[in-house]
Amino acid sequence: MSFPTKRPARHARAILGICLGVSLLLLSAERAFAWNDFGHMVAAAAAWPRLTPAARAEAGRLLELNPDYPRWIAGVPAARREQVAFIRAAAWADDIKGDGQHVFDGDRPQAADAARNIGYADPLEHRYWHFIDQPFSSDHTRLLPPARPNIETELVALQRPLGSSTSSAALKSYDMVWIEHLVGDAHQPLHAVSRFTRAQPQGDAGGNFVALCRHPCRKNLHSFWDDVLGKSRSPLAAIRYAAALPAPDPQLAQIASPARWLKESQRIAERYVYAPPVGDGRGPYRLDAAYRRQALKVARRQIALAGARLALILNRDLAPHP
């Protein structure tokens, strides 16, 4: 039996296309992380001293409804439980990724339920809530608009039930832990941008596709900025780190608009993240000591501002309701 001579070529191209698609899926599946757990906990630790007594009490009441609350306070003295639970809760939206109980529904919103807000009954990971691909180009490449929903739309939507007298406590609990996390994400510059260049006309997914080493090493620009503050799972370490942060600009600390936070982060990314030795292509690039020092300075300033702004909106919205 004979076959057309072009079929194997088509078959090979099909297999190659599938392999490339899987590779891109694997790469994109990592893009939703921003600040590691330590960075998120530092932001929450910076917010805690700024909360009013009423907001702290209400936050403590709501956190008890989170399914991970018993684990958060295990072995913690009663006097510190509210604070430690609040700090640990800031990483919950990342903890659910791959926990076996939540469903990976893609890094791009696909279904009608992508923006739903139904509380802890929702099994979706909603990774696309963590970022917005505000586009920019360093070489005049055509830009693509960001998908919706995204971190900006959800930070607005999640605040509505929090300040409502008719929303259930369970929904407020779910929304509050998401808000804790997303306020931190909004201040990680690479969760506010995607750079479009001739080498990457579909965007670089917030630096996830900009390599800092050669294959099989997988370090990239995004992961560097995630980890720039350090790594720890200790709430006490986060409290100590937060206490040593620079004081945020008092005027900037009073800005409650997620859209403005994200525009600030975009400008920071364009100025400081995509700065030499990072070039216009895929890399790999070797980050020098000067770049690393500047990155740490920017990250400390951003995380301090995230803490102040988190406290600002929680003090406004966490008024106890009958």
C-alpha atoms as a PDB file:
ATOM      1  CA  MET A   1       0.000   0.000   0.000  1.00  0.00           C
ATOM      2  CA  SER A   2       1.346   3.447  -0.879  1.00  0.00           C
ATOM      3  CA  PHE A   3       0.760   6.773   0.803  1.00  0.00           C
ATOM      4  CA  PRO A   4       0.992  10.317  -0.524  1.00  0.00           C
ATOM      5  CA  THR A   5       4.521  11.566  -0.068  1.00  0.00           C
ATOM      6  CA  LYS A   6       3.448  14.804   1.685  1.00  0.00           C
ATOM      7  CA  ARG A   7       1.492  13.155   4.479  1.00  0.00           C
ATOM      8  CA  PRO A   8       4.539  12.329   6.646  1.00  0.00           C
ATOM      9  CA  ALA A   9       5.627  15.960   6.418  1.00  0.00           C
ATOM     10  CA  ARG A  10       2.168  17.111   7.477  1.00  0.00           C
ATOM     11  CA  HIS A  11       2.213  14.529  10.259  1.00  0.00           C
ATOM     12  CA  ALA A  12       5.601  15.719  11.434  1.00  0.00           C
ATOM     13  CA  ARG A  13       4.441  19.337  11.376  1.00  0.00           C
ATOM     14  CA  ALA A  14       1.324  18.379  13.344  1.00  0.00           C
ATOM     15  CA  ILE A  15       3.410  16.601  15.971  1.00  0.00           C
ATOM     16  CA  LEU A  16       5.773  19.586  16.143  1.00  0.00           C
ATOM     17  CA  GLY A  17       2.819  21.913  16.555  1.00  0.00           C
ATOM     18  CA  ILE A  18       1.439  19.818  19.388  1.00  0.00           C
ATOM     19  CA  CYS A  19       4.831  19.738  21.095  1.00  0.00           C
ATOM     20  CA  LEU A  20       5.197  23.500  20.782  1.00  0.00           C
ATOM     21  CA  GLY A  21       1.691  23.981  22.112  1.00  0.00           C
ATOM     22  CA  VAL A  22       2.399  21.775  25.109  1.00  0.00           C
ATOM     23  CA  SER A  23       5.673  23.611  25.720  1.00  0.00           C
ATOM     24  CA  LEU A  24       3.918  26.957  25.665  1.00  0.00           C
ATOM     25  CA  LEU A  25       1.223  25.631  27.990  1.00  0.00           C
ATOM     26  CA  LEU A  26       3.846  24.456  30.446  1.00  0.00           C
ATOM     27  CA  LEU A  27       5.578  27.808  30.305  1.00  0.00           C
ATOM     28  CA  SER A  28       2.368  29.781  30.653  1.00  0.00           C
ATOM     29  CA  ALA A  29       1.232  27.613  33.547  1.00  0.00           C
ATOM     30  CA  GLU A  30       3.991  29.209  35.632  1.00  0.00           C
ATOM     31  CA  ARG A  31       3.270  32.808  34.764  1.00  0.00           C
ATOM     32  CA  ALA A  32       0.627  33.545  37.371  1.00  0.00           C
ATOM     33  CA  PHE A  33       2.976  33.612  40.368  1.00  0.00           C
ATOM     34  CA  ALA A  34       4.002  37.006  41.662  1.00  0.00           C
ATOM     35  CA  TRP A  35       6.157  37.743  44.641  1.00  0.00           C
ATOM     36  CA  ASN A  36       6.835  34.415  46.325  1.00  0.00           C
ATOM     37  CA  ASP A  37       5.029  33.572  49.567  1.00  0.00           C
ATOM     38  CA  PHE A  38       7.486  35.682  51.535  1.00  0.00           C
ATOM     39  CA  GLY A  39       6.807  38.787  49.470  1.00  0.00           C
ATOM     40  CA  HIS A  40       3.056  38.441  49.931  1.00  0.00           C
ATOM     41  CA  MET A  41       3.429  37.862  53.660  1.00  0.00           C
ATOM     42  CA  VAL A  42       5.677  40.924  53.989  1.00  0.00           C
ATOM     43  CA  ALA A  43       2.998  43.071  52.316  1.00  0.00           C
ATOM     44  CA  ALA A  44       0.385  41.768  54.769  1.00  0.00           C
ATOM     45  CA  ALA A  45       2.767  42.230  57.699  1.00  0.00           C
ATOM     46  CA  ALA A  46       3.314  45.836  56.603  1.00  0.00           C
ATOM     47  CA  ALA A  47      -0.453  46.375  56.444  1.00  0.00           C
ATOM     48  CA  TRP A  48      -1.237  44.913  59.878  1.00  0.00           C
ATOM     49  CA  PRO A  49       0.043  47.817  62.078  1.00  0.00           C
ATOM     50  CA  ARG A  50      -1.937  50.225  59.910  1.00  0.00           C
ATOM     51  CA  LEU A  51      -5.283  48.465  60.407  1.00  0.00           C
ATOM     52  CA  THR A  52      -7.764  49.973  62.825  1.00  0.00           C
ATOM     53  CA  PRO A  53      -8.819  47.832  65.809  1.00  0.00           C
ATOM     54  CA  ALA A  54     -12.236  47.351  64.183  1.00  0.00           C
ATOM     55  CA  ALA A  55     -10.696  46.221  60.891  1.00  0.00           C
ATOM     56  CA  ARG A  56      -8.361  43.809  62.701  1.00  0.00           C
ATOM     57  CA  ALA A  57     -11.224  42.267  64.630  1.00  0.00           C
ATOM     58  CA  GLU A  58     -13.362  41.849  61.525  1.00  0.00           C
ATOM     59  CA  ALA A  59     -10.436  40.420  59.548  1.00  0.00           C
ATOM     60  CA  GLY A  60      -9.836  37.911  62.325  1.00  0.00           C
ATOM     61  CA  ARG A  61     -13.495  36.864  62.312  1.00  0.00           C
ATOM     62  CA  LEU A  62     -13.529  36.399  58.540  1.00  0.00           C
ATOM     63  CA  LEU A  63     -10.246  34.484  58.413  1.00  0.00           C
ATOM     64  CA  GLU A  64     -11.663  31.808  60.696  1.00  0.00           C
ATOM     65  CA  LEU A  65     -13.947  30.824  57.796  1.00  0.00           C
ATOM     66  CA  ASN A  66     -11.047  29.980  55.480  1.00  0.00           C
ATOM     67  CA  PRO A  67     -10.536  26.198  55.175  1.00  0.00           C
ATOM     68  CA  ASP A  68      -6.796  26.597  55.867  1.00  0.00           C
ATOM     69  CA  TYR A  69      -7.287  28.602  59.076  1.00  0.00           C
ATOM     70  CA  PRO A  70      -6.549  25.680  61.452  1.00  0.00           C
ATOM     71  CA  ARG A  71      -3.227  25.113  59.701  1.00  0.00           C
ATOM     72  CA  TRP A  72      -2.341  28.796  59.794  1.00  0.00           C
ATOM     73  CA  ILE A  73      -2.707  29.087  63.581  1.00  0.00           C
ATOM     74  CA  ALA A  74      -1.374  25.674  64.604  1.00  0.00           C
ATOM     75  CA  GLY A  75       1.030  26.226  67.501  1.00  0.00           C
ATOM     76  CA  VAL A  76       0.534  30.005  67.472  1.00  0.00           C
ATOM     77  CA  PRO A  77      -0.172  31.702  70.841  1.00  0.00           C
ATOM     78  CA  ALA A  78      -3.725  32.992  71.072  1.00  0.00           C
ATOM     79  CA  ALA A  79      -2.589  36.611  71.280  1.00  0.00           C
ATOM     80  CA  ARG A  80      -0.850  36.383  67.890  1.00  0.00           C
ATOM     81  CA  ARG A  81      -3.350  34.270  65.968  1.00  0.00           C
ATOM     82  CA  GLU A  82      -5.187  37.106  64.222  1.00  0.00           C
ATOM     83  CA  GLN A  83      -1.952  38.666  63.002  1.00  0.00           C
ATOM     84  CA  VAL A  84      -0.338  35.399  61.901  1.00  0.00           C
ATOM     85  CA  ALA A  85      -3.502  34.209  60.147  1.00  0.00           C
ATOM     86  CA  PHE A  86      -3.747  37.542  58.333  1.00  0.00           C
ATOM     87  CA  ILE A  87      -0.145  37.243  57.159  1.00  0.00           C
ATOM     88  CA  ARG A  88      -0.471  33.614  56.082  1.00  0.00           C
ATOM     89  CA  ALA A  89      -3.730  34.357  54.258  1.00  0.00           C
ATOM     90  CA  ALA A  90      -1.893  36.650  51.858  1.00  0.00           C
ATOM     91  CA  ALA A  91      -0.373  33.593  50.129  1.00  0.00           C
ATOM     92  CA  TRP A  92      -3.592  31.543  49.968  1.00  0.00           C
ATOM     93  CA  ALA A  93      -4.420  32.429  46.345  1.00  0.00           C
ATOM     94  CA  ASP A  94      -1.088  30.873  45.325  1.00  0.00           C
ATOM     95  CA  ASP A  95      -1.396  27.970  47.779  1.00  0.00           C
ATOM     96  CA  ILE A  96      -4.487  26.674  45.962  1.00  0.00           C
ATOM     97  CA  LYS A  97      -2.554  26.213  42.710  1.00  0.00           C
ATOM     98  CA  GLY A  98      -2.032  22.510  42.297  1.00  0.00           C
ATOM     99  CA  ASP A  99      -3.351  21.654  45.769  1.00  0.00           C
ATOM    100  CA  GLY A 100      -5.471  18.797  44.382  1.00  0.00           C
ATOM    101  CA  GLN A 101      -8.706  20.500  45.413  1.00  0.00           C
ATOM    102  CA  HIS A 102      -8.816  23.330  42.894  1.00  0.00           C
ATOM    103  CA  VAL A 103      -9.037  23.089  39.126  1.00  0.00           C
ATOM    104  CA  PHE A 104      -6.475  24.589  36.752  1.00  0.00           C
ATOM    105  CA  ASP A 105      -8.698  26.462  34.310  1.00  0.00           C
ATOM    106  CA  GLY A 106      -5.924  28.036  32.267  1.00  0.00           C
ATOM    107  CA  ASP A 107      -3.862  31.181  32.417  1.00  0.00           C
ATOM    108  CA  ARG A 108      -6.301  32.901  30.085  1.00  0.00           C
ATOM    109  CA  PRO A 109      -9.983  33.413  30.872  1.00  0.00           C
ATOM    110  CA  GLN A 110     -11.964  31.000  28.733  1.00  0.00           C
ATOM    111  CA  ALA A 111     -15.392  30.357  30.203  1.00  0.00           C
ATOM    112  CA  ALA A 112     -18.315  32.463  31.325  1.00  0.00           C
ATOM    113  CA  ASP A 113     -17.531  31.639  34.950  1.00  0.00           C
ATOM    114  CA  ALA A 114     -14.039  33.181  34.764  1.00  0.00           C
ATOM    115  CA  ALA A 115     -15.190  36.287  36.641  1.00  0.00           C
ATOM    116  CA  ARG A 116     -17.674  34.682  39.009  1.00  0.00           C
ATOM    117  CA  ASN A 117     -17.429  35.412  42.721  1.00  0.00           C
ATOM    118  CA  ILE A 118     -19.131  32.632  44.670  1.00  0.00           C
ATOM    119  CA  GLY A 119     -16.745  32.127  47.567  1.00  0.00           C
ATOM    120  CA  TYR A 120     -15.004  28.989  48.775  1.00  0.00           C
ATOM    121  CA  ALA A 121     -17.392  26.773  46.815  1.00  0.00           C
ATOM    122  CA  ASP A 122     -15.566  27.869  43.658  1.00  0.00           C
ATOM    123  CA  PRO A 123     -13.105  25.112  42.643  1.00  0.00           C
ATOM    124  CA  LEU A 124     -11.331  27.242  39.994  1.00  0.00           C
ATOM    125  CA  GLU A 125      -7.809  28.543  40.504  1.00  0.00           C
ATOM    126  CA  HIS A 126      -8.486  31.753  38.526  1.00  0.00           C
ATOM    127  CA  ARG A 127      -4.810  32.270  37.705  1.00  0.00           C
ATOM    128  CA  TYR A 128      -5.714  35.061  35.258  1.00  0.00           C
ATOM    129  CA  TRP A 129      -6.906  37.150  38.205  1.00  0.00           C
ATOM    130  CA  HIS A 130      -3.283  37.632  39.271  1.00  0.00           C
ATOM    131  CA  PHE A 131      -2.078  39.857  36.427  1.00  0.00           C
ATOM    132  CA  ILE A 132      -2.881  42.160  33.538  1.00  0.00           C
ATOM    133  CA  ASP A 133      -0.869  42.245  30.318  1.00  0.00           C
ATOM    134  CA  GLN A 134      -0.780  46.003  29.836  1.00  0.00           C
ATOM    135  CA  PRO A 135       1.146  46.100  26.579  1.00  0.00           C
ATOM    136  CA  PHE A 136       4.172  48.127  25.616  1.00  0.00           C
ATOM    137  CA  SER A 137       6.858  47.810  22.975  1.00  0.00           C
ATOM    138  CA  SER A 138      10.466  48.908  22.819  1.00  0.00           C
ATOM    139  CA  ASP A 139      10.657  48.526  19.024  1.00  0.00           C
ATOM    140  CA  HIS A 140       7.186  49.591  17.800  1.00  0.00           C
ATOM    141  CA  THR A 141       5.844  46.042  17.527  1.00  0.00           C
ATOM    142  CA  ARG A 142       2.042  45.875  17.238  1.00  0.00           C
ATOM    143  CA  LEU A 143       0.385  45.673  20.661  1.00  0.00           C
ATOM    144  CA  LEU A 144      -2.389  43.314  21.748  1.00  0.00           C
ATOM    145  CA  PRO A 145      -4.954  44.393  24.354  1.00  0.00           C
ATOM    146  CA  PRO A 146      -5.073  42.628  27.751  1.00  0.00           C
ATOM    147  CA  ALA A 147      -7.630  39.888  28.334  1.00  0.00           C
ATOM    148  CA  ARG A 148     -10.540  40.264  30.762  1.00  0.00           C
ATOM    149  CA  PRO A 149     -11.110  39.442  33.562  1.00  0.00           C
ATOM    150  CA  ASN A 150      -7.761  40.350  35.020  1.00  0.00           C
ATOM    151  CA  ILE A 151      -6.282  41.704  38.227  1.00  0.00           C
ATOM    152  CA  GLU A 152      -7.717  45.173  37.660  1.00  0.00           C
ATOM    153  CA  THR A 153     -11.296  44.023  37.051  1.00  0.00           C
ATOM    154  CA  GLU A 154     -11.174  41.590  39.981  1.00  0.00           C
ATOM    155  CA  LEU A 155      -9.690  43.974  42.522  1.00  0.00           C
ATOM    156  CA  VAL A 156     -12.678  46.213  41.836  1.00  0.00           C
ATOM    157  CA  ALA A 157     -15.233  43.382  41.849  1.00  0.00           C
ATOM    158  CA  LEU A 158     -13.943  41.701  45.014  1.00  0.00           C
ATOM    159  CA  GLN A 159     -14.160  44.908  47.032  1.00  0.00           C
ATOM    160  CA  ARG A 160     -17.899  45.330  46.466  1.00  0.00           C
ATOM    161  CA  PRO A 161     -19.091  42.479  48.725  1.00  0.00           C
ATOM    162  CA  LEU A 162     -16.458  43.332  51.334  1.00  0.00           C
ATOM    163  CA  GLY A 163     -18.104  46.651  52.097  1.00  0.00           C
ATOM    164  CA  SER A 164     -21.670  45.407  51.732  1.00  0.00           C
ATOM    165  CA  SER A 165     -24.012  44.873  54.661  1.00  0.00           C
ATOM    166  CA  THR A 166     -25.902  42.168  52.739  1.00  0.00           C
ATOM    167  CA  SER A 167     -23.018  39.914  51.626  1.00  0.00           C
ATOM    168  CA  SER A 168     -22.400  36.734  53.604  1.00  0.00           C
ATOM    169  CA  ALA A 169     -19.437  36.441  55.937  1.00  0.00           C
ATOM    170  CA  ALA A 170     -18.208  33.429  53.958  1.00  0.00           C
ATOM    171  CA  LEU A 171     -18.097  35.420  50.722  1.00  0.00           C
ATOM    172  CA  LYS A 172     -16.365  38.322  52.452  1.00  0.00           C
ATOM    173  CA  SER A 173     -13.761  35.916  53.819  1.00  0.00           C
ATOM    174  CA  TYR A 174     -13.021  34.557  50.350  1.00  0.00           C
ATOM    175  CA  ASP A 175     -12.879  38.036  48.849  1.00  0.00           C
ATOM    176  CA  MET A 176     -10.636  39.391  51.590  1.00  0.00           C
ATOM    177  CA  VAL A 177      -7.934  36.734  51.189  1.00  0.00           C
ATOM    178  CA  TRP A 178      -7.993  37.288  47.438  1.00  0.00           C
ATOM    179  CA  ILE A 179      -7.699  41.048  47.956  1.00  0.00           C
ATOM    180  CA  GLU A 180      -4.751  40.551  50.321  1.00  0.00           C
ATOM    181  CA  HIS A 181      -2.990  38.620  47.594  1.00  0.00           C
ATOM    182  CA  LEU A 182      -3.944  40.730  44.584  1.00  0.00           C
ATOM    183  CA  VAL A 183      -2.916  44.011  46.169  1.00  0.00           C
ATOM    184  CA  GLY A 184       0.535  42.484  46.511  1.00  0.00           C
ATOM    185  CA  ASP A 185       0.445  41.214  42.932  1.00  0.00           C
ATOM    186  CA  ALA A 186      -0.522  44.656  41.626  1.00  0.00           C
ATOM    187  CA  HIS A 187       2.740  46.040  43.007  1.00  0.00           C
ATOM    188  CA  GLN A 188       4.958  43.421  41.381  1.00  0.00           C
ATOM    189  CA  PRO A 189       5.901  45.298  38.192  1.00  0.00           C
ATOM    190  CA  LEU A 190       5.873  42.215  35.966  1.00  0.00           C
ATOM    191  CA  HIS A 191       2.251  41.472  36.849  1.00  0.00           C
ATOM    192  CA  ALA A 192       1.241  44.692  35.149  1.00  0.00           C
ATOM    193  CA  VAL A 193       2.900  44.361  31.738  1.00  0.00           C
ATOM    194  CA  SER A 194       3.698  42.292  28.707  1.00  0.00           C
ATOM    195  CA  ARG A 195       6.484  43.491  26.419  1.00  0.00           C
ATOM    196  CA  PHE A 196       5.948  43.093  22.672  1.00  0.00           C
ATOM    197  CA  THR A 197       8.991  42.966  20.411  1.00  0.00           C
ATOM    198  CA  ARG A 198       9.892  41.617  16.998  1.00  0.00           C
ATOM    199  CA  ALA A 199      11.425  38.618  18.758  1.00  0.00           C
ATOM    200  CA  GLN A 200       8.237  38.120  20.831  1.00  0.00           C
ATOM    201  CA  PRO A 201       5.292  39.503  18.838  1.00  0.00           C
ATOM    202  CA  GLN A 202       2.760  37.781  21.152  1.00  0.00           C
ATOM    203  CA  GLY A 203       4.319  39.335  24.232  1.00  0.00           C
ATOM    204  CA  ASP A 204       6.695  38.012  26.866  1.00  0.00           C
ATOM    205  CA  ALA A 205       4.016  37.120  29.473  1.00  0.00           C
ATOM    206  CA  GLY A 206       5.315  39.512  32.088  1.00  0.00           C
ATOM    207  CA  GLY A 207       8.938  38.466  31.672  1.00  0.00           C
ATOM    208  CA  ASN A 208       8.193  34.756  31.925  1.00  0.00           C
ATOM    209  CA  PHE A 209       9.594  34.275  28.424  1.00  0.00           C
ATOM    210  CA  VAL A 210      12.790  36.264  29.042  1.00  0.00           C
ATOM    211  CA  ALA A 211      15.478  33.790  30.057  1.00  0.00           C
ATOM    212  CA  LEU A 212      18.266  34.441  32.551  1.00  0.00           C
ATOM    213  CA  CYS A 213      20.125  31.200  31.809  1.00  0.00           C
ATOM    214  CA  ARG A 214      20.385  28.562  29.115  1.00  0.00           C
ATOM    215  CA  HIS A 215      18.220  25.470  28.815  1.00  0.00           C
ATOM    216  CA  PRO A 216      17.606  23.287  30.811  1.00  0.00           C
ATOM    217  CA  CYS A 217      17.850  25.997  33.470  1.00  0.00           C
ATOM    218  CA  ARG A 218      14.432  27.698  33.742  1.00  0.00           C
ATOM    219  CA  LYS A 219      15.214  30.944  35.576  1.00  0.00           C
ATOM    220  CA  ASN A 220      13.551  33.908  33.943  1.00  0.00           C
ATOM    221  CA  LEU A 221      13.064  37.616  34.499  1.00  0.00           C
ATOM    222  CA  HIS A 222       9.701  37.143  36.180  1.00  0.00           C
ATOM    223  CA  SER A 223      10.980  34.562  38.668  1.00  0.00           C
ATOM    224  CA  PHE A 224      13.910  36.822  39.570  1.00  0.00           C
ATOM    225  CA  TRP A 225      11.532  39.632  40.545  1.00  0.00           C
ATOM    226  CA  ASP A 226       9.279  37.199  42.424  1.00  0.00           C
ATOM    227  CA  ASP A 227      12.183  36.178  44.647  1.00  0.00           C
ATOM    228  CA  VAL A 228      14.070  39.458  44.949  1.00  0.00           C
ATOM    229  CA  LEU A 229      12.933  40.070  48.562  1.00  0.00           C
ATOM    230  CA  GLY A 230      14.135  36.640  49.706  1.00  0.00           C
ATOM    231  CA  LYS A 231      12.528  33.325  50.509  1.00  0.00           C
ATOM    232  CA  SER A 232      10.865  32.211  53.732  1.00  0.00           C
ATOM    233  CA  ARG A 233       7.604  30.661  54.892  1.00  0.00           C
ATOM    234  CA  SER A 234       7.883  32.206  58.352  1.00  0.00           C
ATOM    235  CA  PRO A 235       5.317  34.856  59.357  1.00  0.00           C
ATOM    236  CA  LEU A 236       7.740  36.052  62.050  1.00  0.00           C
ATOM    237  CA  ALA A 237      10.434  36.609  59.422  1.00  0.00           C
ATOM    238  CA  ALA A 238       7.886  38.572  57.381  1.00  0.00           C
ATOM    239  CA  ILE A 239       7.029  40.721  60.407  1.00  0.00           C
ATOM    240  CA  ARG A 240      10.698  41.512  61.012  1.00  0.00           C
ATOM    241  CA  TYR A 241      11.297  42.320  57.354  1.00  0.00           C
ATOM    242  CA  ALA A 242       8.227  44.566  57.160  1.00  0.00           C
ATOM    243  CA  ALA A 243       9.365  46.524  60.200  1.00  0.00           C
ATOM    244  CA  ALA A 244      12.586  47.457  58.373  1.00  0.00           C
ATOM    245  CA  LEU A 245      10.937  48.614  55.131  1.00  0.00           C
ATOM    246  CA  PRO A 246      11.228  52.239  54.036  1.00  0.00           C
ATOM    247  CA  ALA A 247       8.216  54.363  54.877  1.00  0.00           C
ATOM    248  CA  PRO A 248       5.936  54.663  51.826  1.00  0.00           C
ATOM    249  CA  ASP A 249       5.279  58.034  50.284  1.00  0.00           C
ATOM    250  CA  PRO A 250       2.266  59.339  52.271  1.00  0.00           C
ATOM    251  CA  GLN A 251       0.529  60.769  49.216  1.00  0.00           C
ATOM    252  CA  LEU A 252       0.965  57.613  47.151  1.00  0.00           C
ATOM    253  CA  ALA A 253      -0.209  55.536  50.113  1.00  0.00           C
ATOM    254  CA  GLN A 254      -3.623  57.251  49.914  1.00  0.00           C
ATOM    255  CA  ILE A 255      -4.307  56.129  46.329  1.00  0.00           C
ATOM    256  CA  ALA A 256      -7.027  53.459  46.424  1.00  0.00           C
ATOM    257  CA  SER A 257      -7.461  52.945  42.660  1.00  0.00           C
ATOM    258  CA  PRO A 258      -6.212  49.561  41.328  1.00  0.00           C
ATOM    259  CA  ALA A 259      -5.997  51.073  37.841  1.00  0.00           C
ATOM    260  CA  ARG A 260      -3.528  53.679  39.089  1.00  0.00           C
ATOM    261  CA  TRP A 261      -1.502  51.064  40.999  1.00  0.00           C
ATOM    262  CA  LEU A 262      -1.150  49.011  37.845  1.00  0.00           C
ATOM    263  CA  LYS A 263      -0.170  51.981  35.689  1.00  0.00           C
ATOM    264  CA  GLU A 264       2.503  52.823  38.259  1.00  0.00           C
ATOM    265  CA  SER A 265       3.766  49.238  38.113  1.00  0.00           C
ATOM    266  CA  GLN A 266       3.834  49.355  34.325  1.00  0.00           C
ATOM    267  CA  ARG A 267       5.967  52.500  34.357  1.00  0.00           C
ATOM    268  CA  ILE A 268       8.309  50.919  36.908  1.00  0.00           C
ATOM    269  CA  ALA A 269       8.655  47.814  34.739  1.00  0.00           C
ATOM    270  CA  GLU A 270       9.487  49.858  31.658  1.00  0.00           C
ATOM    271  CA  ARG A 271      12.080  51.919  33.545  1.00  0.00           C
ATOM    272  CA  TYR A 272      13.696  49.446  35.943  1.00  0.00           C
ATOM    273  CA  VAL A 273      12.784  45.865  34.948  1.00  0.00           C
ATOM    274  CA  TYR A 274      13.500  46.029  31.216  1.00  0.00           C
ATOM    275  CA  ALA A 275      16.735  47.896  31.827  1.00  0.00           C
ATOM    276  CA  PRO A 276      20.262  46.881  30.837  1.00  0.00           C
ATOM    277  CA  PRO A 277      21.600  44.263  30.882  1.00  0.00           C
ATOM    278  CA  VAL A 278      18.114  43.041  29.843  1.00  0.00           C
ATOM    279  CA  GLY A 279      17.776  43.508  26.079  1.00  0.00           C
ATOM    280  CA  ASP A 280      14.910  43.375  23.600  1.00  0.00           C
ATOM    281  CA  GLY A 281      14.992  39.636  22.919  1.00  0.00           C
ATOM    282  CA  ARG A 282      14.418  36.348  24.694  1.00  0.00           C
ATOM    283  CA  GLY A 283      17.835  36.252  26.338  1.00  0.00           C
ATOM    284  CA  PRO A 284      19.451  34.696  28.180  1.00  0.00           C
ATOM    285  CA  TYR A 285      20.693  37.760  30.041  1.00  0.00           C
ATOM    286  CA  ARG A 286      23.084  37.854  32.973  1.00  0.00           C
ATOM    287  CA  LEU A 287      21.912  40.306  35.631  1.00  0.00           C
ATOM    288  CA  ASP A 288      24.787  42.276  37.122  1.00  0.00           C
ATOM    289  CA  ALA A 289      25.193  43.509  40.692  1.00  0.00           C
ATOM    290  CA  ALA A 290      23.964  47.019  39.886  1.00  0.00           C
ATOM    291  CA  TYR A 291      20.725  45.661  38.391  1.00  0.00           C
ATOM    292  CA  ARG A 292      20.156  43.430  41.424  1.00  0.00           C
ATOM    293  CA  ARG A 293      20.707  46.284  43.884  1.00  0.00           C
ATOM    294  CA  GLN A 294      18.271  48.519  42.019  1.00  0.00           C
ATOM    295  CA  ALA A 295      15.710  45.700  41.807  1.00  0.00           C
ATOM    296  CA  LEU A 296      15.828  45.148  45.572  1.00  0.00           C
ATOM    297  CA  LYS A 297      15.412  48.882  46.206  1.00  0.00           C
ATOM    298  CA  VAL A 298      12.393  49.050  43.892  1.00  0.00           C
ATOM    299  CA  ALA A 299      10.844  45.885  45.346  1.00  0.00           C
ATOM    300  CA  ARG A 300      11.165  47.101  48.942  1.00  0.00           C
ATOM    301  CA  ARG A 301       9.527  50.395  48.007  1.00  0.00           C
ATOM    302  CA  GLN A 302       6.720  48.610  46.172  1.00  0.00           C
ATOM    303  CA  ILE A 303       5.992  46.098  48.914  1.00  0.00           C
ATOM    304  CA  ALA A 304       5.849  48.862  51.538  1.00  0.00           C
ATOM    305  CA  LEU A 305       3.386  50.745  49.351  1.00  0.00           C
ATOM    306  CA  ALA A 306       1.330  47.566  48.856  1.00  0.00           C
ATOM    307  CA  GLY A 307       1.034  47.166  52.622  1.00  0.00           C
ATOM    308  CA  ALA A 308      -0.111  50.757  53.107  1.00  0.00           C
ATOM    309  CA  ARG A 309      -2.704  50.514  50.334  1.00  0.00           C
ATOM    310  CA  LEU A 310      -3.990  47.162  51.542  1.00  0.00           C
ATOM    311  CA  ALA A 311      -4.605  48.705  54.956  1.00  0.00           C
ATOM    312  CA  LEU A 312      -6.263  51.707  53.307  1.00  0.00           C
ATOM    313  CA  ILE A 313      -8.955  49.668  51.562  1.00  0.00           C
ATOM    314  CA  LEU A 314      -9.500  47.211  54.422  1.00  0.00           C
ATOM    315  CA  ASN A 315      -9.941  50.029  56.938  1.00  0.00           C
ATOM    316  CA  ARG A 316     -12.528  51.480  54.587  1.00  0.00           C
ATOM    317  CA  ASP A 317     -14.407  48.264  53.839  1.00  0.00           C
ATOM    318  CA  LEU A 318     -14.077  46.030  56.905  1.00  0.00           C
ATOM    319  CA  ALA A 319     -16.602  47.812  59.069  1.00  0.00           C
ATOM    320  CA  PRO A 320     -18.424  45.203  61.204  1.00  0.00           C
ATOM    321  CA  HIS A 321     -22.004  44.617  60.154  1.00  0.00           C
ATOM    322  CA  PRO A 322     -24.810  43.115  62.237  1.00  0.00           C
END
